[in-house]
Amino acid sequence: DSPSSRAISVAAKLADDVRVFLDHAFHMLGLSPAGLPALQLIGNLLAQHAPRLVHVPVSGQRWNVLLHILKQLHLQKPGSGLRIAEVGVEKGMTAAFLLREFPAIKEYVLIDTWFLPGKPAAFNGLLEGYFRNIEAWVATEPSFQRCNGSVVRILRMDSQAAVGLFEPDHFDLVFIDAGHSFQE
């Protein structure tokens, strides 16, 4: 374990951290396929509620990053379960992963319309099938259950309608994965 091999190892780790940071920064700034209009939405939100933004160099799928965040939040609130909202659910794969891997979730609210106006009936039919699958999971999937009941609540509505149903600071984490555009 020579000094040069340690230096190479540190440089490789630093390069990986920078790559992950830039990836996160571009997504945060809306420099994704959705384009720069996302900046206006983020600017409006931050003008009213300035969250603490912290870069954490966790690579992998979004659910890996969210699992890391949940573990950190749980360390700050030991002994109490976490409340999560997911806006833009589609198939429910993120919720399924987090509920399976992190038992300290006491409430998980799924918010989605599962319908996109102007899209072909076949496409919206596919979204309807995703919704029906999630309904079945909520009722029967063991990882969705805590204390003799489901911790998952489905709100089939847009986020603007859903936000009025909750008091400020109700959730420990709100994961916004909405505003997707789909190619036909």
C-alpha atoms as a PDB file:
ATOM      1  CA  ASP A   1       0.000   0.000   0.000  1.00  0.00           C
ATOM      2  CA  SER A   2       2.336   2.692  -1.281  1.00  0.00           C
ATOM      3  CA  PRO A   3       1.706   6.451  -1.098  1.00  0.00           C
ATOM      4  CA  SER A   4       1.133   6.536  -4.859  1.00  0.00           C
ATOM      5  CA  SER A   5      -1.534   3.803  -4.742  1.00  0.00           C
ATOM      6  CA  ARG A   6      -3.284   5.623  -1.864  1.00  0.00           C
ATOM      7  CA  ALA A   7      -3.176   8.861  -3.880  1.00  0.00           C
ATOM      8  CA  ILE A   8      -4.676   7.105  -6.908  1.00  0.00           C
ATOM      9  CA  SER A   9      -7.414   5.635  -4.723  1.00  0.00           C
ATOM     10  CA  VAL A  10      -8.241   9.056  -3.210  1.00  0.00           C
ATOM     11  CA  ALA A  11      -8.245  10.658  -6.676  1.00  0.00           C
ATOM     12  CA  ALA A  12     -10.584   7.972  -8.019  1.00  0.00           C
ATOM     13  CA  LYS A  13     -12.978   8.470  -5.091  1.00  0.00           C
ATOM     14  CA  LEU A  14     -12.877  12.242  -5.563  1.00  0.00           C
ATOM     15  CA  ALA A  15     -13.558  11.897  -9.306  1.00  0.00           C
ATOM     16  CA  ASP A  16     -16.550   9.663  -8.563  1.00  0.00           C
ATOM     17  CA  ASP A  17     -17.886  12.155  -5.995  1.00  0.00           C
ATOM     18  CA  VAL A  18     -17.539  15.011  -8.512  1.00  0.00           C
ATOM     19  CA  ARG A  19     -19.330  12.980 -11.203  1.00  0.00           C
ATOM     20  CA  VAL A  20     -22.246  12.219  -8.857  1.00  0.00           C
ATOM     21  CA  PHE A  21     -22.362  15.850  -7.675  1.00  0.00           C
ATOM     22  CA  LEU A  22     -22.538  17.175 -11.245  1.00  0.00           C
ATOM     23  CA  ASP A  23     -25.239  14.664 -12.123  1.00  0.00           C
ATOM     24  CA  HIS A  24     -27.287  15.778  -9.100  1.00  0.00           C
ATOM     25  CA  ALA A  25     -26.640  19.466  -9.797  1.00  0.00           C
ATOM     26  CA  PHE A  26     -27.831  19.223 -13.404  1.00  0.00           C
ATOM     27  CA  HIS A  27     -31.004  17.444 -12.302  1.00  0.00           C
ATOM     28  CA  MET A  28     -31.615  19.937  -9.494  1.00  0.00           C
ATOM     29  CA  LEU A  29     -31.223  22.883 -11.846  1.00  0.00           C
ATOM     30  CA  GLY A  30     -33.620  21.416 -14.362  1.00  0.00           C
ATOM     31  CA  LEU A  31     -30.961  20.824 -17.003  1.00  0.00           C
ATOM     32  CA  SER A  32     -32.552  17.513 -17.860  1.00  0.00           C
ATOM     33  CA  PRO A  33     -34.757  16.614 -20.829  1.00  0.00           C
ATOM     34  CA  ALA A  34     -37.509  18.685 -19.130  1.00  0.00           C
ATOM     35  CA  GLY A  35     -35.359  21.750 -19.824  1.00  0.00           C
ATOM     36  CA  LEU A  36     -34.839  25.075 -18.111  1.00  0.00           C
ATOM     37  CA  PRO A  37     -38.544  25.819 -17.424  1.00  0.00           C
ATOM     38  CA  ALA A  38     -38.149  23.684 -14.295  1.00  0.00           C
ATOM     39  CA  LEU A  39     -36.034  26.502 -12.830  1.00  0.00           C
ATOM     40  CA  GLN A  40     -39.083  28.789 -12.533  1.00  0.00           C
ATOM     41  CA  LEU A  41     -40.997  26.173 -10.523  1.00  0.00           C
ATOM     42  CA  ILE A  42     -38.016  25.580  -8.242  1.00  0.00           C
ATOM     43  CA  GLY A  43     -37.502  29.348  -7.851  1.00  0.00           C
ATOM     44  CA  ASN A  44     -41.144  29.846  -6.829  1.00  0.00           C
ATOM     45  CA  LEU A  45     -40.928  27.047  -4.276  1.00  0.00           C
ATOM     46  CA  LEU A  46     -37.655  28.287  -2.799  1.00  0.00           C
ATOM     47  CA  ALA A  47     -38.968  31.846  -2.513  1.00  0.00           C
ATOM     48  CA  GLN A  48     -41.623  30.640  -0.050  1.00  0.00           C
ATOM     49  CA  HIS A  49     -39.939  27.671   1.626  1.00  0.00           C
ATOM     50  CA  ALA A  50     -36.172  27.530   1.488  1.00  0.00           C
ATOM     51  CA  PRO A  51     -35.158  23.946   2.243  1.00  0.00           C
ATOM     52  CA  ARG A  52     -31.688  22.994   3.328  1.00  0.00           C
ATOM     53  CA  LEU A  53     -30.004  21.457   0.293  1.00  0.00           C
ATOM     54  CA  VAL A  54     -27.124  19.119   0.951  1.00  0.00           C
ATOM     55  CA  HIS A  55     -25.207  17.159  -1.655  1.00  0.00           C
ATOM     56  CA  VAL A  56     -24.589  13.570  -0.614  1.00  0.00           C
ATOM     57  CA  PRO A  57     -22.395  11.594  -3.017  1.00  0.00           C
ATOM     58  CA  VAL A  58     -24.586   8.495  -3.241  1.00  0.00           C
ATOM     59  CA  SER A  59     -24.578   6.877  -6.633  1.00  0.00           C
ATOM     60  CA  GLY A  60     -27.116   4.432  -7.959  1.00  0.00           C
ATOM     61  CA  GLN A  61     -30.817   4.523  -8.695  1.00  0.00           C
ATOM     62  CA  ARG A  62     -33.079   7.149  -7.124  1.00  0.00           C
ATOM     63  CA  TRP A  63     -34.336   4.632  -4.570  1.00  0.00           C
ATOM     64  CA  ASN A  64     -30.756   4.043  -3.365  1.00  0.00           C
ATOM     65  CA  VAL A  65     -30.351   7.782  -2.816  1.00  0.00           C
ATOM     66  CA  LEU A  66     -33.726   8.015  -1.064  1.00  0.00           C
ATOM     67  CA  LEU A  67     -32.899   5.034   1.160  1.00  0.00           C
ATOM     68  CA  HIS A  68     -29.679   6.778   2.215  1.00  0.00           C
ATOM     69  CA  ILE A  69     -31.622   9.973   2.992  1.00  0.00           C
ATOM     70  CA  LEU A  70     -34.245   8.052   4.984  1.00  0.00           C
ATOM     71  CA  LYS A  71     -31.568   6.367   7.081  1.00  0.00           C
ATOM     72  CA  GLN A  72     -30.042   9.765   7.852  1.00  0.00           C
ATOM     73  CA  LEU A  73     -33.446  11.249   8.734  1.00  0.00           C
ATOM     74  CA  HIS A  74     -34.209   8.302  10.986  1.00  0.00           C
ATOM     75  CA  LEU A  75     -30.955   8.869  12.891  1.00  0.00           C
ATOM     76  CA  GLN A  76     -32.251  12.377  13.665  1.00  0.00           C
ATOM     77  CA  LYS A  77     -35.621  11.002  14.847  1.00  0.00           C
ATOM     78  CA  PRO A  78     -34.824   7.687  16.546  1.00  0.00           C
ATOM     79  CA  GLY A  79     -37.788   5.710  17.783  1.00  0.00           C
ATOM     80  CA  SER A  80     -40.314   7.387  15.517  1.00  0.00           C
ATOM     81  CA  GLY A  81     -41.400   6.348  12.074  1.00  0.00           C
ATOM     82  CA  LEU A  82     -41.010   8.573   9.055  1.00  0.00           C
ATOM     83  CA  ARG A  83     -43.736  10.104   6.903  1.00  0.00           C
ATOM     84  CA  ILE A  84     -43.102  10.195   3.165  1.00  0.00           C
ATOM     85  CA  ALA A  85     -44.998  11.575   0.190  1.00  0.00           C
ATOM     86  CA  GLU A  86     -44.161  10.576  -3.361  1.00  0.00           C
ATOM     87  CA  VAL A  87     -45.474  12.842  -6.107  1.00  0.00           C
ATOM     88  CA  GLY A  88     -45.456  11.096  -9.465  1.00  0.00           C
ATOM     89  CA  VAL A  89     -45.713   7.382  -8.761  1.00  0.00           C
ATOM     90  CA  GLU A  90     -46.392   5.651 -12.101  1.00  0.00           C
ATOM     91  CA  LYS A  91     -45.587   1.944 -11.455  1.00  0.00           C
ATOM     92  CA  GLY A  92     -44.803   2.358  -7.739  1.00  0.00           C
ATOM     93  CA  MET A  93     -41.348   0.801  -7.923  1.00  0.00           C
ATOM     94  CA  THR A  94     -39.708   3.442  -5.704  1.00  0.00           C
ATOM     95  CA  ALA A  95     -42.370   2.995  -3.019  1.00  0.00           C
ATOM     96  CA  ALA A  96     -42.138  -0.797  -3.229  1.00  0.00           C
ATOM     97  CA  PHE A  97     -38.342  -0.703  -2.793  1.00  0.00           C
ATOM     98  CA  LEU A  98     -38.381   1.768   0.114  1.00  0.00           C
ATOM     99  CA  LEU A  99     -41.188   0.003   1.963  1.00  0.00           C
ATOM    100  CA  ARG A 100     -39.403  -3.334   1.575  1.00  0.00           C
ATOM    101  CA  GLU A 101     -35.975  -2.033   2.604  1.00  0.00           C
ATOM    102  CA  PHE A 102     -36.874   0.491   5.321  1.00  0.00           C
ATOM    103  CA  PRO A 103     -39.312  -0.703   7.999  1.00  0.00           C
ATOM    104  CA  ALA A 104     -39.271   2.619   9.898  1.00  0.00           C
ATOM    105  CA  ILE A 105     -41.828   4.164   7.514  1.00  0.00           C
ATOM    106  CA  LYS A 106     -45.081   4.899   9.338  1.00  0.00           C
ATOM    107  CA  GLU A 107     -46.856   6.670   6.473  1.00  0.00           C
ATOM    108  CA  TYR A 108     -46.252   6.670   2.712  1.00  0.00           C
ATOM    109  CA  VAL A 109     -48.591   8.782   0.586  1.00  0.00           C
ATOM    110  CA  LEU A 110     -48.669   8.107  -3.164  1.00  0.00           C
ATOM    111  CA  ILE A 111     -49.832  11.091  -5.238  1.00  0.00           C
ATOM    112  CA  ASP A 112     -50.465  10.714  -8.955  1.00  0.00           C
ATOM    113  CA  THR A 113     -53.308  11.146 -11.454  1.00  0.00           C
ATOM    114  CA  TRP A 114     -52.407   7.995 -13.369  1.00  0.00           C
ATOM    115  CA  PHE A 115     -53.888   9.807 -16.365  1.00  0.00           C
ATOM    116  CA  LEU A 116     -52.335  12.222 -18.864  1.00  0.00           C
ATOM    117  CA  PRO A 117     -54.746  14.395 -20.867  1.00  0.00           C
ATOM    118  CA  GLY A 118     -54.136  14.321 -24.574  1.00  0.00           C
ATOM    119  CA  LYS A 119     -52.412  10.949 -24.531  1.00  0.00           C
ATOM    120  CA  PRO A 120     -53.825   7.987 -26.475  1.00  0.00           C
ATOM    121  CA  ALA A 121     -56.350   5.770 -24.709  1.00  0.00           C
ATOM    122  CA  ALA A 122     -53.908   2.853 -24.854  1.00  0.00           C
ATOM    123  CA  PHE A 123     -51.295   4.879 -22.967  1.00  0.00           C
ATOM    124  CA  ASN A 124     -53.758   5.968 -20.280  1.00  0.00           C
ATOM    125  CA  GLY A 125     -54.970   2.365 -20.139  1.00  0.00           C
ATOM    126  CA  LEU A 126     -51.424   1.344 -19.251  1.00  0.00           C
ATOM    127  CA  LEU A 127     -51.340   3.980 -16.482  1.00  0.00           C
ATOM    128  CA  GLU A 128     -54.704   2.681 -15.237  1.00  0.00           C
ATOM    129  CA  GLY A 129     -53.185  -0.806 -15.023  1.00  0.00           C
ATOM    130  CA  TYR A 130     -50.308   0.579 -12.932  1.00  0.00           C
ATOM    131  CA  PHE A 131     -52.847   2.215 -10.616  1.00  0.00           C
ATOM    132  CA  ARG A 132     -54.793  -1.045 -10.199  1.00  0.00           C
ATOM    133  CA  ASN A 133     -51.563  -2.924  -9.388  1.00  0.00           C
ATOM    134  CA  ILE A 134     -50.685  -0.379  -6.707  1.00  0.00           C
ATOM    135  CA  GLU A 135     -54.183  -0.637  -5.218  1.00  0.00           C
ATOM    136  CA  ALA A 136     -53.685  -4.396  -4.919  1.00  0.00           C
ATOM    137  CA  TRP A 137     -50.239  -3.946  -3.359  1.00  0.00           C
ATOM    138  CA  VAL A 138     -51.610  -1.545  -0.767  1.00  0.00           C
ATOM    139  CA  ALA A 139     -54.165  -4.147   0.302  1.00  0.00           C
ATOM    140  CA  THR A 140     -52.041  -7.298   0.167  1.00  0.00           C
ATOM    141  CA  GLU A 141     -48.281  -6.686  -0.113  1.00  0.00           C
ATOM    142  CA  PRO A 142     -46.666  -7.583   3.251  1.00  0.00           C
ATOM    143  CA  SER A 143     -43.959  -4.900   2.933  1.00  0.00           C
ATOM    144  CA  PHE A 144     -46.696  -2.234   2.708  1.00  0.00           C
ATOM    145  CA  GLN A 145     -48.136  -3.319   6.059  1.00  0.00           C
ATOM    146  CA  ARG A 146     -47.174  -2.134   9.536  1.00  0.00           C
ATOM    147  CA  CYS A 147     -49.072  -2.679  12.798  1.00  0.00           C
ATOM    148  CA  ASN A 148     -51.923  -4.702  11.237  1.00  0.00           C
ATOM    149  CA  GLY A 149     -52.642  -2.279   8.415  1.00  0.00           C
ATOM    150  CA  SER A 150     -51.270  -0.604   5.353  1.00  0.00           C
ATOM    151  CA  VAL A 151     -49.110   2.480   5.869  1.00  0.00           C
ATOM    152  CA  VAL A 152     -49.700   3.452   2.243  1.00  0.00           C
ATOM    153  CA  ARG A 153     -52.368   5.921   1.207  1.00  0.00           C
ATOM    154  CA  ILE A 154     -53.209   6.528  -2.454  1.00  0.00           C
ATOM    155  CA  LEU A 155     -54.310   9.979  -3.570  1.00  0.00           C
ATOM    156  CA  ARG A 156     -55.397   9.885  -7.196  1.00  0.00           C
ATOM    157  CA  MET A 157     -55.141  13.599  -7.866  1.00  0.00           C
ATOM    158  CA  ASP A 158     -52.615  16.180  -8.896  1.00  0.00           C
ATOM    159  CA  SER A 159     -50.131  17.556  -6.386  1.00  0.00           C
ATOM    160  CA  GLN A 160     -51.848  20.943  -6.125  1.00  0.00           C
ATOM    161  CA  ALA A 161     -55.047  19.271  -4.932  1.00  0.00           C
ATOM    162  CA  ALA A 162     -53.167  16.953  -2.564  1.00  0.00           C
ATOM    163  CA  VAL A 163     -51.085  19.647  -0.856  1.00  0.00           C
ATOM    164  CA  GLY A 164     -54.169  21.142   0.793  1.00  0.00           C
ATOM    165  CA  LEU A 165     -54.877  17.892   2.619  1.00  0.00           C
ATOM    166  CA  PHE A 166     -51.818  18.141   4.874  1.00  0.00           C
ATOM    167  CA  GLU A 167     -50.549  20.534   7.504  1.00  0.00           C
ATOM    168  CA  PRO A 168     -47.175  22.209   6.905  1.00  0.00           C
ATOM    169  CA  ASP A 169     -44.246  20.019   7.987  1.00  0.00           C
ATOM    170  CA  HIS A 170     -46.425  16.880   8.006  1.00  0.00           C
ATOM    171  CA  PHE A 171     -43.891  14.919   5.982  1.00  0.00           C
ATOM    172  CA  ASP A 172     -40.283  14.112   6.783  1.00  0.00           C
ATOM    173  CA  LEU A 173     -39.550  13.651   3.072  1.00  0.00           C
ATOM    174  CA  VAL A 174     -41.387  14.641  -0.106  1.00  0.00           C
ATOM    175  CA  PHE A 175     -40.018  12.941  -3.206  1.00  0.00           C
ATOM    176  CA  ILE A 176     -41.087  14.783  -6.359  1.00  0.00           C
ATOM    177  CA  ASP A 177     -40.803  12.549  -9.395  1.00  0.00           C
ATOM    178  CA  ALA A 178     -43.511  14.181 -11.502  1.00  0.00           C
ATOM    179  CA  GLY A 179     -43.640  16.326 -14.598  1.00  0.00           C
ATOM    180  CA  HIS A 180     -42.410  13.608 -16.908  1.00  0.00           C
ATOM    181  CA  SER A 181     -43.000  13.828 -20.600  1.00  0.00           C
ATOM    182  CA  PHE A 182     -43.395  10.644 -22.585  1.00  0.00           C
ATOM    183  CA  GLN A 183     -42.685  10.016 -26.241  1.00  0.00           C
ATOM    184  CA  GLU A 184     -45.462   8.267 -28.132  1.00  0.00           C
END
